[in-house]
Every structure is written in structure tokens, then in C-alpha cells.
Protein backbone atom coordinates (compact mmCIF):
# COMPACT_ATOMS: atom_id res chain seq x y z
CA MET A 1 -5.21 10.89 -5.52
CA TYR A 2 -1.88 11.90 -4.04
CA ALA A 3 1.26 13.65 -5.22
CA ILE A 4 4.91 13.97 -4.28
CA ILE A 5 6.05 17.62 -4.13
CA ARG A 6 9.40 19.27 -3.44
CA ALA A 7 9.40 22.15 -0.97
CA GLY A 8 12.44 23.61 0.70
CA GLY A 9 14.80 20.90 -0.53
CA LYS A 10 12.65 18.13 0.94
CA GLN A 11 9.97 15.96 -0.63
CA ALA A 12 6.52 15.36 0.85
CA LYS A 13 3.64 13.03 -0.03
CA VAL A 14 0.44 15.09 0.01
CA GLN A 15 -3.28 14.62 -0.58
CA SER A 16 -6.04 17.17 -0.78
CA GLY A 17 -6.81 18.41 2.72
CA ASP A 18 -3.40 17.60 4.26
CA VAL A 19 -1.77 20.16 6.56
CA ILE A 20 2.04 20.07 6.49
CA ASP A 21 4.96 22.20 7.65
CA ILE A 22 7.53 23.17 5.03
CA GLU A 23 10.63 25.31 5.37
CA ARG A 24 9.73 28.98 5.48
CA VAL A 25 8.45 30.47 2.23
CA LYS A 26 7.96 34.19 1.89
CA SER A 27 4.80 34.52 -0.16
CA ASP A 28 2.86 37.63 -1.11
CA GLY A 29 -0.53 35.94 -1.28
CA ASP A 30 -2.37 33.27 0.63
CA GLU A 31 -1.92 30.62 -2.06
CA LEU A 32 1.11 28.63 -3.22
CA THR A 33 1.50 26.34 -6.20
CA PHE A 34 3.91 23.45 -6.51
CA ALA A 35 4.96 21.37 -9.50
CA PRO A 36 4.54 17.70 -8.56
CA LEU A 37 7.33 15.16 -9.07
CA LEU A 38 4.87 12.25 -9.17
CA VAL A 39 1.08 11.96 -9.23
CA VAL A 40 -0.87 8.79 -8.45
CA ASP A 41 -4.56 8.95 -9.40
CA ASP A 42 -7.47 7.17 -7.71
CA SER A 43 -7.14 4.09 -9.92
CA GLY A 44 -3.52 3.65 -8.83
CA ALA A 45 -1.87 4.71 -12.10
CA ALA A 46 1.31 6.70 -11.55
CA VAL A 47 2.08 9.69 -13.78
CA THR A 48 5.80 10.37 -14.12
CA ASP A 49 5.98 11.86 -17.62
CA ARG A 50 7.65 15.27 -17.43
CA ASP A 51 5.44 16.79 -20.11
CA GLU A 52 2.27 15.88 -18.19
CA LEU A 53 3.74 16.89 -14.84
CA GLU A 54 4.65 20.35 -16.16
CA LYS A 55 0.94 20.93 -16.83
CA SER A 56 -0.09 19.57 -13.41
CA THR A 57 -0.21 21.68 -10.28
CA VAL A 58 -0.64 21.23 -6.55
CA THR A 59 -2.25 24.23 -4.87
CA ALA A 60 -1.95 25.06 -1.19
CA LYS A 61 -3.26 27.69 1.18
CA VAL A 62 -0.86 29.33 3.66
CA LEU A 63 -2.13 28.94 7.23
CA GLY A 64 0.70 30.67 9.07
CA GLU A 65 4.30 30.57 10.20
CA SER A 66 5.87 28.85 13.18
CA ALA A 67 9.26 28.03 14.65
CA GLY A 68 10.61 24.56 15.25
CA PRO A 69 12.22 23.28 18.43
CA LYS A 70 15.27 25.01 19.86
CA ILE A 71 18.53 23.27 18.98
CA ASP A 72 21.47 23.99 21.30
CA ILE A 73 24.97 23.81 19.87
CA PHE A 74 27.80 23.57 22.40
CA LYS A 75 31.41 23.17 21.31
CA TYR A 76 33.95 22.19 23.93
CA LYS A 77 37.59 21.19 23.95
CA ASN A 78 39.01 20.02 27.23
CA LYS A 79 42.07 21.50 28.94
CA THR A 80 42.07 24.63 26.75
CA GLY A 81 39.14 26.69 27.99
CA TYR A 82 37.51 26.58 24.53
CA ARG A 83 33.72 26.78 24.88
CA ARG A 84 31.24 28.07 22.31
CA ARG A 85 27.50 28.13 22.73
CA GLN A 86 24.97 28.74 19.97
CA GLY A 87 21.28 28.12 19.38
CA HIS A 88 18.99 27.75 16.37
CA ARG A 89 15.25 27.57 15.66
CA GLN A 90 14.18 26.68 12.14
CA LYS A 91 11.28 28.72 10.75
CA TYR A 92 8.42 26.83 9.10
CA THR A 93 5.36 27.72 7.02
CA ARG A 94 2.23 25.69 7.67
CA ILE A 95 0.20 25.00 4.52
CA GLU A 96 -3.01 23.15 3.70
CA ILE A 97 -3.21 21.34 0.36
CA THR A 98 -6.37 22.52 -1.40
CA GLY A 99 -6.18 20.56 -4.64
CA ILE A 100 -4.21 18.45 -7.08
CA SER A 101 -4.97 19.05 -10.74
CA LEU A 102 -3.69 16.59 -13.31
CA SER A 103 -4.02 18.30 -16.68
CA GLY A 104 -4.22 16.28 -19.85
CA GLU A 105 -6.17 13.33 -18.44
CA SER A 106 -8.64 13.24 -21.34
CA GLU A 107 -5.84 13.66 -23.91
CA LYS A 108 -3.92 10.78 -22.36
CA LYS A 109 -6.90 8.41 -22.60
CA THR A 110 -7.46 9.05 -26.30
CA GLU A 111 -3.79 8.73 -27.21
CA THR A 112 -3.35 5.40 -25.41
CA GLY A 113 -6.60 3.97 -26.72
CA GLY A 114 -4.74 1.17 -28.48
CA GLY A 115 -3.31 0.31 -31.86
CA ALA A 116 -6.61 0.81 -33.71
CA TYR A 117 -6.62 4.56 -32.96
CA LYS A 118 -3.03 4.92 -34.16
CA ALA A 119 -3.73 2.82 -37.26
CA GLU A 120 -6.73 4.99 -38.16
CA ALA A 121 -4.69 8.15 -37.74
CA ALA A 122 -1.92 6.74 -39.92
CA ALA A 123 -4.44 5.71 -42.61
CA GLU A 124 -5.96 9.21 -42.67
CA GLU A 125 -2.53 10.78 -43.19
CA GLU A 126 -1.91 8.64 -46.29
């Protein structure tokens, strides 16, 4: 089972046990939760329904913070003496995905059981 999550304006494909770097998140605890954009279960069925995805969660454990590579910015215009130098290091949070929970799996199976289930429910209402 894997999921697509959004973290820091970027999307990542994650499975349980993956360790990824996301843009820095200031968290109080050691655990983060994400709302998945897409979940694909072990049988290969993709879940994209917003109602089901709102109930689903991806949990992750914070492992620590790190800094990315140094990026040097140098602006130069010839014949004018214009030179500007600047640097930047992006901060990242390293997380480990601990689990993907897809709520409503049993409800989904009974609802899509076929026309016979729907016909029986309609007959009972009458």
C-alpha cells in the first residue's frame, strides 16, 4: 500500500517505513499526520474519493532536522562595478512514515457489493 501526500508545497509517494526529507515543519510532538491525496491499496485499487480520503491518514515520526546544500547567488553586471553575493541553505525535516490507514474499507465493500444489495435496500424502504 502506498499514498501520495503533500508536504511543504511538494508531493511525495510514500510507503510504510520510508524515510524522506520534507521542507521544515515546526512540530511540538514527535508525530505528524498528513491527509493523503491518493491511496493505492495492496490489490492495486486506487482511492481518490474525497470523502474517503478525509477519513484516511498517513502518520509519520519526526527523526530530526537538517540543512540542504549551500546555494551561492552571485549577481554581476559588467562595466558598472555591480556585484552582489548571497547564500542560502534550505532547512529540512527528516520523517519516517509509520503507517497508512484507509478508513472505511469495510463500508466500501458492502456498498459496492452489486445491484442485488441496492435492490434489497430499495425493497425494504418500500
